[in-house]
Amino acid sequence: MVKHILVTLSDEQYRCVSFLRNKMGSSDAEVLRNVFLSWLAEKAMIGCWEIDRAVEEFQRRWIEKKEPKTTV
């Protein structure tokens, strides 16, 4: 099943997408999809859609990295 989403980008972000066209995809949509998938792979979440609790796991990992560590 294919889903279409509307994405708003700043001028600078769109320049980045344009720069990556024909390097990471032949269209804006392909570039954004591939950038997103690359980001997921970097965060070790590439298989997240296979996990029943993917959203909760993603949020746990994201928040875990963002919270400052306290030392006692």
C-alpha atoms as a PDB file:
ATOM      1  CA  MET A   1       0.000   0.000   0.000  1.00  0.00           C
ATOM      2  CA  VAL A   2       1.380   3.409  -0.969  1.00  0.00           C
ATOM      3  CA  LYS A   3       0.756   6.493   1.158  1.00  0.00           C
ATOM      4  CA  HIS A   4       1.298  10.056   0.000  1.00  0.00           C
ATOM      5  CA  ILE A   5       2.244  12.722   2.524  1.00  0.00           C
ATOM      6  CA  LEU A   6       2.647  16.463   2.274  1.00  0.00           C
ATOM      7  CA  VAL A   7       5.998  17.715   3.563  1.00  0.00           C
ATOM      8  CA  THR A   8       6.903  21.345   4.156  1.00  0.00           C
ATOM      9  CA  LEU A   9      10.580  22.238   3.761  1.00  0.00           C
ATOM     10  CA  SER A  10      12.448  25.466   4.271  1.00  0.00           C
ATOM     11  CA  ASP A  11      14.360  26.917   1.323  1.00  0.00           C
ATOM     12  CA  GLU A  12      17.613  25.570   2.773  1.00  0.00           C
ATOM     13  CA  GLN A  13      16.153  22.088   3.248  1.00  0.00           C
ATOM     14  CA  TYR A  14      14.816  22.087  -0.307  1.00  0.00           C
ATOM     15  CA  ARG A  15      18.257  23.122  -1.625  1.00  0.00           C
ATOM     16  CA  CYS A  16      19.658  20.052   0.139  1.00  0.00           C
ATOM     17  CA  VAL A  17      17.016  17.838  -1.495  1.00  0.00           C
ATOM     18  CA  SER A  18      17.796  19.394  -4.877  1.00  0.00           C
ATOM     19  CA  PHE A  19      21.517  18.814  -4.325  1.00  0.00           C
ATOM     20  CA  LEU A  20      20.860  15.132  -3.564  1.00  0.00           C
ATOM     21  CA  ARG A  21      18.620  14.618  -6.619  1.00  0.00           C
ATOM     22  CA  ASN A  22      20.222  12.074  -8.970  1.00  0.00           C
ATOM     23  CA  LYS A  23      22.542  11.062  -6.115  1.00  0.00           C
ATOM     24  CA  MET A  24      19.945   9.560  -3.753  1.00  0.00           C
ATOM     25  CA  GLY A  25      16.950   9.400  -6.089  1.00  0.00           C
ATOM     26  CA  SER A  26      15.565  10.756  -9.314  1.00  0.00           C
ATOM     27  CA  SER A  27      12.713  12.752  -7.748  1.00  0.00           C
ATOM     28  CA  ASP A  28      12.143  14.821  -4.614  1.00  0.00           C
ATOM     29  CA  ALA A  29       9.993  12.001  -3.205  1.00  0.00           C
ATOM     30  CA  GLU A  30      12.701   9.380  -3.803  1.00  0.00           C
ATOM     31  CA  VAL A  31      15.366  11.593  -2.246  1.00  0.00           C
ATOM     32  CA  LEU A  32      13.272  12.250   0.882  1.00  0.00           C
ATOM     33  CA  ARG A  33      12.342   8.568   1.203  1.00  0.00           C
ATOM     34  CA  ASN A  34      15.983   7.482   0.869  1.00  0.00           C
ATOM     35  CA  VAL A  35      17.205  10.134   3.315  1.00  0.00           C
ATOM     36  CA  PHE A  36      14.572   8.954   5.791  1.00  0.00           C
ATOM     37  CA  LEU A  37      15.520   5.289   5.342  1.00  0.00           C
ATOM     38  CA  SER A  38      19.205   6.163   5.729  1.00  0.00           C
ATOM     39  CA  TRP A  39      18.412   8.022   8.947  1.00  0.00           C
ATOM     40  CA  LEU A  40      16.466   5.012  10.244  1.00  0.00           C
ATOM     41  CA  ALA A  41      19.380   2.728   9.409  1.00  0.00           C
ATOM     42  CA  GLU A  42      21.760   5.054  11.246  1.00  0.00           C
ATOM     43  CA  LYS A  43      19.510   4.938  14.300  1.00  0.00           C
ATOM     44  CA  ALA A  44      19.302   1.129  14.044  1.00  0.00           C
ATOM     45  CA  MET A  45      15.545   1.308  13.485  1.00  0.00           C
ATOM     46  CA  ILE A  46      15.491   0.040   9.889  1.00  0.00           C
ATOM     47  CA  GLY A  47      13.351  -2.960  10.800  1.00  0.00           C
ATOM     48  CA  CYS A  48      10.985  -1.022  13.070  1.00  0.00           C
ATOM     49  CA  TRP A  49       7.879  -1.793  11.014  1.00  0.00           C
ATOM     50  CA  GLU A  50       8.379  -5.479  11.790  1.00  0.00           C
ATOM     51  CA  ILE A  51       8.070  -4.893  15.539  1.00  0.00           C
ATOM     52  CA  ASP A  52       4.600  -4.665  17.096  1.00  0.00           C
ATOM     53  CA  ARG A  53       5.674  -1.900  19.461  1.00  0.00           C
ATOM     54  CA  ALA A  54       7.863   0.015  17.021  1.00  0.00           C
ATOM     55  CA  VAL A  55       6.637   3.490  17.987  1.00  0.00           C
ATOM     56  CA  GLU A  56       7.191   2.907  21.693  1.00  0.00           C
ATOM     57  CA  GLU A  57      10.643   1.416  21.044  1.00  0.00           C
ATOM     58  CA  PHE A  58      11.624   4.312  18.803  1.00  0.00           C
ATOM     59  CA  GLN A  59      10.479   6.878  21.369  1.00  0.00           C
ATOM     60  CA  ARG A  60      12.315   5.041  24.166  1.00  0.00           C
ATOM     61  CA  ARG A  61      15.564   5.038  22.176  1.00  0.00           C
ATOM     62  CA  TRP A  62      15.170   8.664  21.111  1.00  0.00           C
ATOM     63  CA  ILE A  63      14.321   9.970  24.584  1.00  0.00           C
ATOM     64  CA  GLU A  64      17.065   7.843  26.145  1.00  0.00           C
ATOM     65  CA  LYS A  65      19.661   9.605  23.986  1.00  0.00           C
ATOM     66  CA  LYS A  66      18.208  13.085  24.586  1.00  0.00           C
ATOM     67  CA  GLU A  67      17.963  12.910  28.386  1.00  0.00           C
ATOM     68  CA  PRO A  68      21.054  14.218  30.184  1.00  0.00           C
ATOM     69  CA  LYS A  69      22.782  11.586  32.245  1.00  0.00           C
ATOM     70  CA  THR A  70      23.090  12.371  35.924  1.00  0.00           C
ATOM     71  CA  THR A  71      25.927  11.101  38.067  1.00  0.00           C
ATOM     72  CA  VAL A  72      25.530  10.272  41.702  1.00  0.00           C
END
